[in-house]
PDB file of N, CA and C in Angstrom:
ATOM      1  N   MET A   1     123.381 223.648  62.057  1.00  0.00           N
ATOM      2  CA  MET A   1     122.857 224.455  60.972  1.00  0.00           C
ATOM      3  C   MET A   1     123.909 225.504  60.585  1.00  0.00           C
ATOM      4  N   SER A   2     124.115 225.695  59.285  1.00  0.00           N
ATOM      5  CA  SER A   2     125.118 226.656  58.829  1.00  0.00           C
ATOM      6  C   SER A   2     124.515 228.048  58.713  1.00  0.00           C
ATOM      7  N   LEU A   3     125.377 229.034  58.626  1.00  0.00           N
ATOM      8  CA  LEU A   3     124.937 230.413  58.466  1.00  0.00           C
ATOM      9  C   LEU A   3     124.062 230.568  57.226  1.00  0.00           C
ATOM     10  N   LEU A   4     124.450 229.944  56.134  1.00  0.00           N
ATOM     11  CA  LEU A   4     123.675 230.062  54.899  1.00  0.00           C
ATOM     12  C   LEU A   4     122.269 229.500  55.061  1.00  0.00           C
ATOM     13  N   ASP A   5     122.089 228.544  55.960  1.00  0.00           N
ATOM     14  CA  ASP A   5     120.757 227.999  56.216  1.00  0.00           C
ATOM     15  C   ASP A   5     119.855 229.009  56.925  1.00  0.00           C
ATOM     16  N   GLU A   6     120.455 230.007  57.538  1.00  0.00           N
ATOM     17  CA  GLU A   6     119.693 231.038  58.252  1.00  0.00           C
ATOM     18  C   GLU A   6     119.190 232.150  57.318  1.00  0.00           C
ATOM     19  N   ILE A   7     119.675 232.174  56.102  1.00  0.00           N
ATOM     20  CA  ILE A   7     119.306 233.213  55.140  1.00  0.00           C
ATOM     21  C   ILE A   7     118.149 232.718  54.281  1.00  0.00           C
ATOM     22  N   ASP A   8     117.146 233.578  54.091  1.00  0.00           N
ATOM     23  CA  ASP A   8     115.973 233.234  53.282  1.00  0.00           C
ATOM     24  C   ASP A   8     116.150 233.786  51.869  1.00  0.00           C
ATOM     25  N   PHE A   9     116.634 232.927  50.984  1.00  0.00           N
ATOM     26  CA  PHE A   9     116.850 233.326  49.592  1.00  0.00           C
ATOM     27  C   PHE A   9     115.591 233.124  48.739  1.00  0.00           C
ATOM     28  N   THR A  10     114.463 232.779  49.346  1.00  0.00           N
ATOM     29  CA  THR A  10     113.255 232.463  48.578  1.00  0.00           C
ATOM     30  C   THR A  10     112.359 233.660  48.295  1.00  0.00           C
ATOM     31  N   LYS A  11     112.535 234.771  48.991  1.00  0.00           N
ATOM     32  CA  LYS A  11     111.593 235.893  48.895  1.00  0.00           C
ATOM     33  C   LYS A  11     111.747 236.752  47.648  1.00  0.00           C
ATOM     34  N   ASN A  12     112.946 237.022  47.224  1.00  0.00           N
ATOM     35  CA  ASN A  12     113.203 237.999  46.157  1.00  0.00           C
ATOM     36  C   ASN A  12     114.038 237.403  45.039  1.00  0.00           C
ATOM     37  N   ASP A  13     113.489 236.397  44.385  1.00  0.00           N
ATOM     38  CA  ASP A  13     114.190 235.768  43.262  1.00  0.00           C
ATOM     39  C   ASP A  13     115.582 235.286  43.620  1.00  0.00           C
ATOM     40  N   GLY A  14     115.739 234.773  44.834  1.00  0.00           N
ATOM     41  CA  GLY A  14     117.015 234.220  45.262  1.00  0.00           C
ATOM     42  C   GLY A  14     118.004 235.236  45.782  1.00  0.00           C
ATOM     43  N   LEU A  15     117.550 236.469  45.979  1.00  0.00           N
ATOM     44  CA  LEU A  15     118.448 237.535  46.417  1.00  0.00           C
ATOM     45  C   LEU A  15     118.079 238.044  47.805  1.00  0.00           C
ATOM     46  N   VAL A  16     119.085 238.506  48.525  1.00  0.00           N
ATOM     47  CA  VAL A  16     118.879 239.213  49.788  1.00  0.00           C
ATOM     48  C   VAL A  16     119.587 240.565  49.687  1.00  0.00           C
ATOM     49  N   THR A  17     119.109 241.504  50.452  1.00  0.00           N
ATOM     50  CA  THR A  17     119.707 242.832  50.479  1.00  0.00           C
ATOM     51  C   THR A  17     121.001 242.796  51.273  1.00  0.00           C
ATOM     52  N   GLY A  18     122.030 243.397  50.725  1.00  0.00           N
ATOM     53  CA  GLY A  18     123.310 243.520  51.411  1.00  0.00           C
ATOM     54  C   GLY A  18     123.612 244.983  51.676  1.00  0.00           C
ATOM     55  N   ILE A  19     123.828 245.319  52.928  1.00  0.00           N
ATOM     56  CA  ILE A  19     124.152 246.688  53.316  1.00  0.00           C
ATOM     57  C   ILE A  19     125.612 246.707  53.732  1.00  0.00           C
ATOM     58  N   ALA A  20     126.396 247.566  53.083  1.00  0.00           N
ATOM     59  CA  ALA A  20     127.808 247.715  53.436  1.00  0.00           C
ATOM     60  C   ALA A  20     127.958 248.960  54.299  1.00  0.00           C
ATOM     61  N   GLN A  21     128.528 248.768  55.477  1.00  0.00           N
ATOM     62  CA  GLN A  21     128.716 249.849  56.442  1.00  0.00           C
ATOM     63  C   GLN A  21     130.185 249.908  56.826  1.00  0.00           C
ATOM     64  N   ASP A  22     130.745 251.112  56.869  1.00  0.00           N
ATOM     65  CA  ASP A  22     132.126 251.260  57.301  1.00  0.00           C
ATOM     66  C   ASP A  22     132.234 250.814  58.755  1.00  0.00           C
ATOM     67  N   HIS A  23     133.103 249.869  59.034  1.00  0.00           N
ATOM     68  CA  HIS A  23     133.191 249.273  60.369  1.00  0.00           C
ATOM     69  C   HIS A  23     133.698 250.247  61.421  1.00  0.00           C
ATOM     70  N   SER A  24     134.462 251.249  61.014  1.00  0.00           N
ATOM     71  CA  SER A  24     135.020 252.156  62.019  1.00  0.00           C
ATOM     72  C   SER A  24     134.197 253.421  62.230  1.00  0.00           C
ATOM     73  N   THR A  25     133.451 253.863  61.206  1.00  0.00           N
ATOM     74  CA  THR A  25     132.697 255.119  61.335  1.00  0.00           C
ATOM     75  C   THR A  25     131.192 254.923  61.430  1.00  0.00           C
ATOM     76  N   GLY A  26     130.698 253.769  60.980  1.00  0.00           N
ATOM     77  CA  GLY A  26     129.259 253.537  60.952  1.00  0.00           C
ATOM     78  C   GLY A  26     128.590 254.082  59.698  1.00  0.00           C
ATOM     79  N   GLU A  27     129.352 254.731  58.821  1.00  0.00           N
ATOM     80  CA  GLU A  27     128.810 255.297  57.578  1.00  0.00           C
ATOM     81  C   GLU A  27     128.257 254.182  56.688  1.00  0.00           C
ATOM     82  N   ILE A  28     127.026 254.362  56.183  1.00  0.00           N
ATOM     83  CA  ILE A  28     126.465 253.421  55.213  1.00  0.00           C
ATOM     84  C   ILE A  28     127.100 253.744  53.870  1.00  0.00           C
ATOM     85  N   LEU A  29     127.766 252.769  53.292  1.00  0.00           N
ATOM     86  CA  LEU A  29     128.497 252.973  52.043  1.00  0.00           C
ATOM     87  C   LEU A  29     127.648 252.676  50.819  1.00  0.00           C
ATOM     88  N   MET A  30     126.901 251.583  50.881  1.00  0.00           N
ATOM     89  CA  MET A  30     126.115 251.172  49.724  1.00  0.00           C
ATOM     90  C   MET A  30     125.138 250.068  50.093  1.00  0.00           C
ATOM     91  N   VAL A  31     124.193 249.829  49.197  1.00  0.00           N
ATOM     92  CA  VAL A  31     123.251 248.728  49.305  1.00  0.00           C
ATOM     93  C   VAL A  31     123.279 248.000  47.965  1.00  0.00           C
ATOM     94  N   ALA A  32     123.388 246.697  48.008  1.00  0.00           N
ATOM     95  CA  ALA A  32     123.392 245.883  46.790  1.00  0.00           C
ATOM     96  C   ALA A  32     122.769 244.538  47.143  1.00  0.00           C
ATOM     97  N   PHE A  33     122.879 243.579  46.256  1.00  0.00           N
ATOM     98  CA  PHE A  33     122.232 242.288  46.467  1.00  0.00           C
ATOM     99  C   PHE A  33     123.240 241.150  46.494  1.00  0.00           C
ATOM    100  N   LEU A  34     122.867 240.109  47.224  1.00  0.00           N
ATOM    101  CA  LEU A  34     123.663 238.891  47.290  1.00  0.00           C
ATOM    102  C   LEU A  34     122.756 237.707  46.998  1.00  0.00           C
ATOM    103  N   ASN A  35     123.307 236.734  46.295  1.00  0.00           N
ATOM    104  CA  ASN A  35     122.618 235.449  46.184  1.00  0.00           C
ATOM    105  C   ASN A  35     123.401 234.456  47.041  1.00  0.00           C
ATOM    106  N   GLU A  36     122.967 233.227  47.054  1.00  0.00           N
ATOM    107  CA  GLU A  36     123.616 232.250  47.930  1.00  0.00           C
ATOM    108  C   GLU A  36     125.092 232.073  47.590  1.00  0.00           C
ATOM    109  N   GLU A  37     125.412 232.030  46.302  1.00  0.00           N
ATOM    110  CA  GLU A  37     126.811 231.841  45.898  1.00  0.00           C
ATOM    111  C   GLU A  37     127.676 233.043  46.280  1.00  0.00           C
ATOM    112  N   SER A  38     127.160 234.248  46.072  1.00  0.00           N
ATOM    113  CA  SER A  38     127.967 235.428  46.395  1.00  0.00           C
ATOM    114  C   SER A  38     128.192 235.540  47.901  1.00  0.00           C
ATOM    115  N   LEU A  39     127.184 235.195  48.700  1.00  0.00           N
ATOM    116  CA  LEU A  39     127.376 235.234  50.150  1.00  0.00           C
ATOM    117  C   LEU A  39     128.358 234.157  50.594  1.00  0.00           C
ATOM    118  N   ARG A  40     128.275 232.976  49.999  1.00  0.00           N
ATOM    119  CA  ARG A  40     129.221 231.908  50.328  1.00  0.00           C
ATOM    120  C   ARG A  40     130.647 232.344  50.000  1.00  0.00           C
ATOM    121  N   LEU A  41     130.848 232.945  48.831  1.00  0.00           N
ATOM    122  CA  LEU A  41     132.177 233.418  48.439  1.00  0.00           C
ATOM    123  C   LEU A  41     132.663 234.548  49.348  1.00  0.00           C
ATOM    124  N   THR A  42     131.757 235.419  49.753  1.00  0.00           N
ATOM    125  CA  THR A  42     132.104 236.491  50.687  1.00  0.00           C
ATOM    126  C   THR A  42     132.613 235.900  51.990  1.00  0.00           C
ATOM    127  N   LEU A  43     131.901 234.902  52.496  1.00  0.00           N
ATOM    128  CA  LEU A  43     132.302 234.264  53.752  1.00  0.00           C
ATOM    129  C   LEU A  43     133.631 233.526  53.609  1.00  0.00           C
ATOM    130  N   GLU A  44     133.830 232.868  52.471  1.00  0.00           N
ATOM    131  CA  GLU A  44     135.058 232.095  52.244  1.00  0.00           C
ATOM    132  C   GLU A  44     136.287 232.989  52.068  1.00  0.00           C
ATOM    133  N   THR A  45     136.127 234.101  51.342  1.00  0.00           N
ATOM    134  CA  THR A  45     137.281 234.924  50.987  1.00  0.00           C
ATOM    135  C   THR A  45     137.508 236.104  51.922  1.00  0.00           C
ATOM    136  N   GLY A  46     136.458 236.549  52.608  1.00  0.00           N
ATOM    137  CA  GLY A  46     136.572 237.730  53.456  1.00  0.00           C
ATOM    138  C   GLY A  46     136.457 239.034  52.694  1.00  0.00           C
ATOM    139  N   SER A  47     136.291 238.946  51.382  1.00  0.00           N
ATOM    140  CA  SER A  47     136.053 240.119  50.535  1.00  0.00           C
ATOM    141  C   SER A  47     134.635 240.032  49.982  1.00  0.00           C
ATOM    142  N   VAL A  48     133.947 241.178  49.928  1.00  0.00           N
ATOM    143  CA  VAL A  48     132.540 241.154  49.541  1.00  0.00           C
ATOM    144  C   VAL A  48     132.376 240.840  48.056  1.00  0.00           C
ATOM    145  N   VAL A  49     131.477 239.896  47.790  1.00  0.00           N
ATOM    146  CA  VAL A  49     131.078 239.536  46.437  1.00  0.00           C
ATOM    147  C   VAL A  49     129.564 239.737  46.377  1.00  0.00           C
ATOM    148  N   TYR A  50     129.108 240.555  45.439  1.00  0.00           N
ATOM    149  CA  TYR A  50     127.683 240.823  45.271  1.00  0.00           C
ATOM    150  C   TYR A  50     127.160 240.071  44.053  1.00  0.00           C
ATOM    151  N   TRP A  51     125.843 240.134  43.865  1.00  0.00           N
ATOM    152  CA  TRP A  51     125.217 239.648  42.641  1.00  0.00           C
ATOM    153  C   TRP A  51     124.761 240.878  41.865  1.00  0.00           C
ATOM    154  N   SER A  52     125.237 241.044  40.656  1.00  0.00           N
ATOM    155  CA  SER A  52     124.839 242.164  39.820  1.00  0.00           C
ATOM    156  C   SER A  52     123.556 241.803  39.082  1.00  0.00           C
ATOM    157  N   ARG A  53     122.476 242.485  39.397  1.00  0.00           N
ATOM    158  CA  ARG A  53     121.198 242.224  38.725  1.00  0.00           C
ATOM    159  C   ARG A  53     121.249 242.676  37.276  1.00  0.00           C
ATOM    160  N   SER A  54     121.938 243.771  36.994  1.00  0.00           N
ATOM    161  CA  SER A  54     121.986 244.278  35.615  1.00  0.00           C
ATOM    162  C   SER A  54     122.838 243.392  34.712  1.00  0.00           C
ATOM    163  N   ARG A  55     123.948 242.899  35.243  1.00  0.00           N
ATOM    164  CA  ARG A  55     124.845 242.048  34.443  1.00  0.00           C
ATOM    165  C   ARG A  55     124.538 240.564  34.587  1.00  0.00           C
ATOM    166  N   LYS A  56     123.704 240.243  35.581  1.00  0.00           N
ATOM    167  CA  LYS A  56     123.307 238.851  35.857  1.00  0.00           C
ATOM    168  C   LYS A  56     124.532 237.957  36.072  1.00  0.00           C
ATOM    169  N   LYS A  57     125.432 238.440  36.943  1.00  0.00           N
ATOM    170  CA  LYS A  57     126.628 237.660  37.257  1.00  0.00           C
ATOM    171  C   LYS A  57     127.191 238.110  38.596  1.00  0.00           C
ATOM    172  N   LEU A  58     128.115 237.312  39.108  1.00  0.00           N
ATOM    173  CA  LEU A  58     128.796 237.685  40.339  1.00  0.00           C
ATOM    174  C   LEU A  58     129.603 238.951  40.111  1.00  0.00           C
ATOM    175  N   TRP A  59     129.647 239.787  41.137  1.00  0.00           N
ATOM    176  CA  TRP A  59     130.360 241.055  41.071  1.00  0.00           C
ATOM    177  C   TRP A  59     131.285 241.130  42.273  1.00  0.00           C
ATOM    178  N   ARG A  60     132.540 240.877  42.034  1.00  0.00           N
ATOM    179  CA  ARG A  60     133.540 240.972  43.092  1.00  0.00           C
ATOM    180  C   ARG A  60     133.848 242.448  43.293  1.00  0.00           C
ATOM    181  N   LYS A  61     133.398 242.990  44.401  1.00  0.00           N
ATOM    182  CA  LYS A  61     133.545 244.423  44.648  1.00  0.00           C
ATOM    183  C   LYS A  61     135.003 244.825  44.508  1.00  0.00           C
ATOM    184  N   GLY A  62     135.248 245.793  43.620  1.00  0.00           N
ATOM    185  CA  GLY A  62     136.599 246.284  43.392  1.00  0.00           C
ATOM    186  C   GLY A  62     137.348 245.584  42.280  1.00  0.00           C
ATOM    187  N   GLU A  63     136.701 244.646  41.571  1.00  0.00           N
ATOM    188  CA  GLU A  63     137.424 243.907  40.539  1.00  0.00           C
ATOM    189  C   GLU A  63     137.933 244.813  39.422  1.00  0.00           C
ATOM    190  N   GLU A  64     137.241 245.918  39.167  1.00  0.00           N
ATOM    191  CA  GLU A  64     137.712 246.864  38.152  1.00  0.00           C
ATOM    192  C   GLU A  64     138.361 248.087  38.784  1.00  0.00           C
ATOM    193  N   SER A  65     137.772 248.603  39.847  1.00  0.00           N
ATOM    194  CA  SER A  65     138.229 249.866  40.442  1.00  0.00           C
ATOM    195  C   SER A  65     139.345 249.694  41.459  1.00  0.00           C
ATOM    196  N   GLY A  66     139.469 248.501  42.032  1.00  0.00           N
ATOM    197  CA  GLY A  66     140.433 248.285  43.099  1.00  0.00           C
ATOM    198  C   GLY A  66     139.907 248.675  44.469  1.00  0.00           C
ATOM    199  N   ASN A  67     138.676 249.181  44.536  1.00  0.00           N
ATOM    200  CA  ASN A  67     138.062 249.619  45.783  1.00  0.00           C
ATOM    201  C   ASN A  67     137.301 248.457  46.412  1.00  0.00           C
ATOM    202  N   VAL A  68     138.016 247.574  47.072  1.00  0.00           N
ATOM    203  CA  VAL A  68     137.435 246.354  47.627  1.00  0.00           C
ATOM    204  C   VAL A  68     136.895 246.596  49.034  1.00  0.00           C
ATOM    205  N   GLN A  69     136.028 245.672  49.450  1.00  0.00           N
ATOM    206  CA  GLN A  69     135.465 245.720  50.799  1.00  0.00           C
ATOM    207  C   GLN A  69     135.852 244.440  51.530  1.00  0.00           C
ATOM    208  N   LYS A  70     136.581 244.599  52.622  1.00  0.00           N
ATOM    209  CA  LYS A  70     136.984 243.481  53.471  1.00  0.00           C
ATOM    210  C   LYS A  70     136.016 243.381  54.641  1.00  0.00           C
ATOM    211  N   VAL A  71     135.426 242.222  54.825  1.00  0.00           N
ATOM    212  CA  VAL A  71     134.427 242.025  55.873  1.00  0.00           C
ATOM    213  C   VAL A  71     135.098 241.967  57.241  1.00  0.00           C
ATOM    214  N   LYS A  72     134.588 242.793  58.149  1.00  0.00           N
ATOM    215  CA  LYS A  72     135.045 242.785  59.541  1.00  0.00           C
ATOM    216  C   LYS A  72     134.045 242.054  60.420  1.00  0.00           C
ATOM    217  N   SER A  73     132.743 242.227  60.142  1.00  0.00           N
ATOM    218  CA  SER A  73     131.694 241.482  60.841  1.00  0.00           C
ATOM    219  C   SER A  73     130.461 241.450  59.959  1.00  0.00           C
ATOM    220  N   LEU A  74     129.600 240.496  60.245  1.00  0.00           N
ATOM    221  CA  LEU A  74     128.418 240.291  59.423  1.00  0.00           C
ATOM    222  C   LEU A  74     127.234 239.994  60.329  1.00  0.00           C
ATOM    223  N   TYR A  75     126.090 240.626  60.037  1.00  0.00           N
ATOM    224  CA  TYR A  75     124.873 240.444  60.819  1.00  0.00           C
ATOM    225  C   TYR A  75     123.730 240.073  59.888  1.00  0.00           C
ATOM    226  N   ILE A  76     122.831 239.245  60.383  1.00  0.00           N
ATOM    227  CA  ILE A  76     121.635 238.847  59.646  1.00  0.00           C
ATOM    228  C   ILE A  76     120.437 239.467  60.346  1.00  0.00           C
ATOM    229  N   ASP A  77     119.503 240.029  59.571  1.00  0.00           N
ATOM    230  CA  ASP A  77     118.326 240.626  60.200  1.00  0.00           C
ATOM    231  C   ASP A  77     117.366 239.535  60.688  1.00  0.00           C
ATOM    232  N   CYS A  78     116.332 239.958  61.407  1.00  0.00           N
ATOM    233  CA  CYS A  78     115.412 239.026  62.068  1.00  0.00           C
ATOM    234  C   CYS A  78     114.657 238.125  61.098  1.00  0.00           C
ATOM    235  N   ASP A  79     114.409 238.593  59.867  1.00  0.00           N
ATOM    236  CA  ASP A  79     113.687 237.784  58.878  1.00  0.00           C
ATOM    237  C   ASP A  79     114.608 236.942  58.011  1.00  0.00           C
ATOM    238  N   GLY A  80     115.898 237.142  58.151  1.00  0.00           N
ATOM    239  CA  GLY A  80     116.856 236.384  57.356  1.00  0.00           C
ATOM    240  C   GLY A  80     116.894 236.798  55.897  1.00  0.00           C
ATOM    241  N   ASP A  81     116.416 238.019  55.592  1.00  0.00           N
ATOM    242  CA  ASP A  81     116.422 238.441  54.186  1.00  0.00           C
ATOM    243  C   ASP A  81     117.241 239.706  53.935  1.00  0.00           C
ATOM    244  N   ALA A  82     118.059 240.072  54.910  1.00  0.00           N
ATOM    245  CA  ALA A  82     118.981 241.191  54.737  1.00  0.00           C
ATOM    246  C   ALA A  82     120.244 240.913  55.544  1.00  0.00           C
ATOM    247  N   VAL A  83     121.359 241.360  55.008  1.00  0.00           N
ATOM    248  CA  VAL A  83     122.655 241.147  55.642  1.00  0.00           C
ATOM    249  C   VAL A  83     123.352 242.499  55.784  1.00  0.00           C
ATOM    250  N   LEU A  84     123.800 242.780  56.987  1.00  0.00           N
ATOM    251  CA  LEU A  84     124.596 243.981  57.250  1.00  0.00           C
ATOM    252  C   LEU A  84     126.050 243.542  57.340  1.00  0.00           C
ATOM    253  N   MET A  85     126.861 244.095  56.453  1.00  0.00           N
ATOM    254  CA  MET A  85     128.281 243.755  56.439  1.00  0.00           C
ATOM    255  C   MET A  85     129.065 244.974  56.881  1.00  0.00           C
ATOM    256  N   GLN A  86     129.728 244.867  58.014  1.00  0.00           N
ATOM    257  CA  GLN A  86     130.622 245.932  58.436  1.00  0.00           C
ATOM    258  C   GLN A  86     131.954 245.637  57.762  1.00  0.00           C
ATOM    259  N   VAL A  87     132.418 246.626  56.992  1.00  0.00           N
ATOM    260  CA  VAL A  87     133.565 246.397  56.119  1.00  0.00           C
ATOM    261  C   VAL A  87     134.646 247.446  56.316  1.00  0.00           C
ATOM    262  N   GLU A  88     135.842 247.066  55.887  1.00  0.00           N
ATOM    263  CA  GLU A  88     136.913 248.025  55.697  1.00  0.00           C
ATOM    264  C   GLU A  88     136.898 248.362  54.212  1.00  0.00           C
ATOM    265  N   GLN A  89     136.617 249.613  53.885  1.00  0.00           N
ATOM    266  CA  GLN A  89     136.564 250.045  52.491  1.00  0.00           C
ATOM    267  C   GLN A  89     137.980 250.408  52.058  1.00  0.00           C
ATOM    268  N   ILE A  90     138.550 249.556  51.231  1.00  0.00           N
ATOM    269  CA  ILE A  90     139.915 249.777  50.753  1.00  0.00           C
ATOM    270  C   ILE A  90     139.845 250.504  49.412  1.00  0.00           C
ATOM    271  N   GLY A  91     140.570 251.610  49.310  1.00  0.00           N
ATOM    272  CA  GLY A  91     140.565 252.393  48.084  1.00  0.00           C
ATOM    273  C   GLY A  91     139.751 253.662  48.202  1.00  0.00           C
ATOM    274  N   GLY A  92     138.981 253.807  49.257  1.00  0.00           N
ATOM    275  CA  GLY A  92     138.308 255.070  49.532  1.00  0.00           C
ATOM    276  C   GLY A  92     136.949 255.287  48.910  1.00  0.00           C
ATOM    277  N   ALA A  93     136.571 254.549  47.881  1.00  0.00           N
ATOM    278  CA  ALA A  93     135.278 254.773  47.222  1.00  0.00           C
ATOM    279  C   ALA A  93     134.483 253.478  47.168  1.00  0.00           C
ATOM    280  N   ALA A  94     133.234 253.555  47.606  1.00  0.00           N
ATOM    281  CA  ALA A  94     132.338 252.408  47.510  1.00  0.00           C
ATOM    282  C   ALA A  94     131.432 252.500  46.283  1.00  0.00           C
ATOM    283  N   CYS A  95     131.184 253.716  45.817  1.00  0.00           N
ATOM    284  CA  CYS A  95     130.214 253.939  44.738  1.00  0.00           C
ATOM    285  C   CYS A  95     130.878 253.906  43.364  1.00  0.00           C
ATOM    286  N   HIS A  96     130.153 253.335  42.392  1.00  0.00           N
ATOM    287  CA  HIS A  96     130.681 253.275  41.022  1.00  0.00           C
ATOM    288  C   HIS A  96     130.781 254.654  40.379  1.00  0.00           C
ATOM    289  N   THR A  97     130.181 255.679  41.010  1.00  0.00           N
ATOM    290  CA  THR A  97     130.297 257.048  40.503  1.00  0.00           C
ATOM    291  C   THR A  97     131.606 257.697  40.928  1.00  0.00           C
ATOM    292  N   GLY A  98     132.398 256.958  41.711  1.00  0.00           N
ATOM    293  CA  GLY A  98     133.672 257.466  42.184  1.00  0.00           C
ATOM    294  C   GLY A  98     133.594 258.164  43.526  1.00  0.00           C
ATOM    295  N   ARG A  99     132.414 258.149  44.138  1.00  0.00           N
ATOM    296  CA  ARG A  99     132.234 258.817  45.423  1.00  0.00           C
ATOM    297  C   ARG A  99     132.474 257.847  46.577  1.00  0.00           C
ATOM    298  N   ARG A 100     132.707 258.419  47.730  1.00  0.00           N
ATOM    299  CA  ARG A 100     132.955 257.639  48.949  1.00  0.00           C
ATOM    300  C   ARG A 100     131.817 256.666  49.228  1.00  0.00           C
ATOM    301  N   ASN A 101     130.555 257.136  49.115  1.00  0.00           N
ATOM    302  CA  ASN A 101     129.409 256.250  49.328  1.00  0.00           C
ATOM    303  C   ASN A 101     128.341 256.530  48.282  1.00  0.00           C
ATOM    304  N   CYS A 102     127.339 255.688  48.248  1.00  0.00           N
ATOM    305  CA  CYS A 102     126.275 255.817  47.242  1.00  0.00           C
ATOM    306  C   CYS A 102     125.181 256.798  47.650  1.00  0.00           C
ATOM    307  N   PHE A 103     125.244 257.310  48.852  1.00  0.00           N
ATOM    308  CA  PHE A 103     124.203 258.209  49.358  1.00  0.00           C
ATOM    309  C   PHE A 103     124.705 259.648  49.362  1.00  0.00           C
ATOM    310  N   PHE A 104     124.978 260.168  48.170  1.00  0.00           N
ATOM    311  CA  PHE A 104     125.583 261.495  48.026  1.00  0.00           C
ATOM    312  C   PHE A 104     124.579 262.557  47.584  1.00  0.00           C
ATOM    313  N   ARG A 105     123.328 262.183  47.362  1.00  0.00           N
ATOM    314  CA  ARG A 105     122.318 263.154  46.934  1.00  0.00           C
ATOM    315  C   ARG A 105     121.390 263.467  48.103  1.00  0.00           C
ATOM    316  N   LYS A 106     121.594 264.631  48.704  1.00  0.00           N
ATOM    317  CA  LYS A 106     120.792 265.062  49.849  1.00  0.00           C
ATOM    318  C   LYS A 106     119.574 265.819  49.338  1.00  0.00           C
ATOM    319  N   VAL A 107     118.394 265.384  49.743  1.00  0.00           N
ATOM    320  CA  VAL A 107     117.154 266.014  49.299  1.00  0.00           C
ATOM    321  C   VAL A 107     117.061 267.419  49.879  1.00  0.00           C
ATOM    322  N   ASP A 108     116.719 268.353  48.997  1.00  0.00           N
ATOM    323  CA  ASP A 108     116.563 269.754  49.370  1.00  0.00           C
ATOM    324  C   ASP A 108     115.303 270.271  48.683  1.00  0.00           C
ATOM    325  N   GLY A 109     114.168 270.208  49.396  1.00  0.00           N
ATOM    326  CA  GLY A 109     112.894 270.578  48.786  1.00  0.00           C
ATOM    327  C   GLY A 109     112.513 269.560  47.733  1.00  0.00           C
ATOM    328  N   ASP A 110     112.330 270.015  46.499  1.00  0.00           N
ATOM    329  CA  ASP A 110     111.995 269.081  45.425  1.00  0.00           C
ATOM    330  C   ASP A 110     113.207 268.801  44.529  1.00  0.00           C
ATOM    331  N   ALA A 111     114.384 269.141  45.014  1.00  0.00           N
ATOM    332  CA  ALA A 111     115.628 268.899  44.280  1.00  0.00           C
ATOM    333  C   ALA A 111     116.604 268.179  45.211  1.00  0.00           C
ATOM    334  N   TYR A 112     117.836 268.103  44.786  1.00  0.00           N
ATOM    335  CA  TYR A 112     118.860 267.526  45.658  1.00  0.00           C
ATOM    336  C   TYR A 112     120.165 268.277  45.498  1.00  0.00           C
ATOM    337  N   ILE A 113     120.990 268.125  46.512  1.00  0.00           N
ATOM    338  CA  ILE A 113     122.321 268.708  46.528  1.00  0.00           C
ATOM    339  C   ILE A 113     123.319 267.556  46.537  1.00  0.00           C
ATOM    340  N   ASP A 114     124.330 267.630  45.704  1.00  0.00           N
ATOM    341  CA  ASP A 114     125.384 266.617  45.694  1.00  0.00           C
ATOM    342  C   ASP A 114     126.343 266.927  46.840  1.00  0.00           C
ATOM    343  N   VAL A 115     126.329 266.072  47.859  1.00  0.00           N
ATOM    344  CA  VAL A 115     127.189 266.266  49.024  1.00  0.00           C
ATOM    345  C   VAL A 115     128.301 265.219  49.069  1.00  0.00           C
ATOM    346  N   GLY A 116     128.482 264.519  47.950  1.00  0.00           N
ATOM    347  CA  GLY A 116     129.438 263.418  47.900  1.00  0.00           C
ATOM    348  C   GLY A 116     130.880 263.857  47.806  1.00  0.00           C
ATOM    349  N   VAL A 117     131.732 263.012  48.328  1.00  0.00           N
ATOM    350  CA  VAL A 117     133.173 263.202  48.221  1.00  0.00           C
ATOM    351  C   VAL A 117     133.649 262.345  47.056  1.00  0.00           C
ATOM    352  N   LYS A 118     134.133 262.986  46.006  1.00  0.00           N
ATOM    353  CA  LYS A 118     134.585 262.272  44.818  1.00  0.00           C
ATOM    354  C   LYS A 118     136.008 261.767  45.044  1.00  0.00           C
ATOM    355  N   VAL A 119     136.204 260.465  44.885  1.00  0.00           N
ATOM    356  CA  VAL A 119     137.494 259.835  45.127  1.00  0.00           C
ATOM    357  C   VAL A 119     138.214 259.541  43.809  1.00  0.00           C
ATOM    358  N   PHE A 120     137.437 259.161  42.779  1.00  0.00           N
ATOM    359  CA  PHE A 120     138.048 258.897  41.480  1.00  0.00           C
ATOM    360  C   PHE A 120     137.083 259.247  40.367  1.00  0.00           C
ATOM    361  N   ASP A 121     137.617 259.368  39.157  1.00  0.00           N
ATOM    362  CA  ASP A 121     136.824 259.670  37.970  1.00  0.00           C
ATOM    363  C   ASP A 121     136.409 258.339  37.323  1.00  0.00           C
ATOM    364  N   PRO A 122     135.114 258.028  37.329  1.00  0.00           N
ATOM    365  CA  PRO A 122     134.677 256.740  36.782  1.00  0.00           C
ATOM    366  C   PRO A 122     134.993 256.579  35.284  1.00  0.00           C
ATOM    367  N   ASP A 123     135.041 257.686  34.533  1.00  0.00           N
ATOM    368  CA  ASP A 123     135.382 257.586  33.113  1.00  0.00           C
ATOM    369  C   ASP A 123     136.803 257.067  32.906  1.00  0.00           C
ATOM    370  N   GLU A 124     137.680 257.375  33.842  1.00  0.00           N
ATOM    371  CA  GLU A 124     139.057 256.899  33.764  1.00  0.00           C
ATOM    372  C   GLU A 124     139.197 255.450  34.239  1.00  0.00           C
ATOM    373  N   VAL A 125     138.425 255.100  35.269  1.00  0.00           N
ATOM    374  CA  VAL A 125     138.545 253.766  35.874  1.00  0.00           C
ATOM    375  C   VAL A 125     137.833 252.691  35.059  1.00  0.00           C
ATOM    376  N   TYR A 126     136.637 253.038  34.541  1.00  0.00           N
ATOM    377  CA  TYR A 126     135.822 252.051  33.834  1.00  0.00           C
ATOM    378  C   TYR A 126     135.858 252.261  32.328  1.00  0.00           C
ATOM    379  N   LYS A 127     137.030 252.463  31.778  1.00  0.00           N
ATOM    380  CA  LYS A 127     137.175 252.638  30.327  1.00  0.00           C
ATOM    381  C   LYS A 127     136.672 251.388  29.628  1.00  0.00           C
ATOM    382  N   LYS A 128     135.891 251.582  28.621  1.00  0.00           N
ATOM    383  CA  LYS A 128     135.322 250.447  27.869  1.00  0.00           C
ATOM    384  C   LYS A 128     136.220 250.051  26.742  1.00  0.00           C
TER     385      LYS A 128
END
C-alpha cells in the first residue's frame, strides 16, 4: 500500500489539511490544503505544493515570493485527513503577508496585537 492510499481525500471535497512546521524550531508556520495531486508532487519534488481553494489550482509554495518549503519529514494523523510537514522554510517568510508565519495576531481581550516578524513587503513581491 502506498502513502497516498493512507490519506482520506473523501471527507472535505478531496482536500486534507496541511500543517507546515519549522523542522528545527517546532514553530507552526502555516496551515493550508492539499489534494491528492499536490501531495503527490510534494512527495516527488521534496518541495511543498498546496491546493489553492481561492484560485482553484495547484500552488507551488514560493512560486512568486521565492519563500519555498523543503520537506524534511512528513506525518499523517490517525484519521488520515491531516498531514504535518516538517519543513525548512527558505526565504524566511511562510505567510503571504510577508511575515515569518501566519499566526501573527495574538488575541488580547476582544482585540489582537500584531506580534509578527515582517520579512518582506507583499505589495512589492506580489505586484499585479
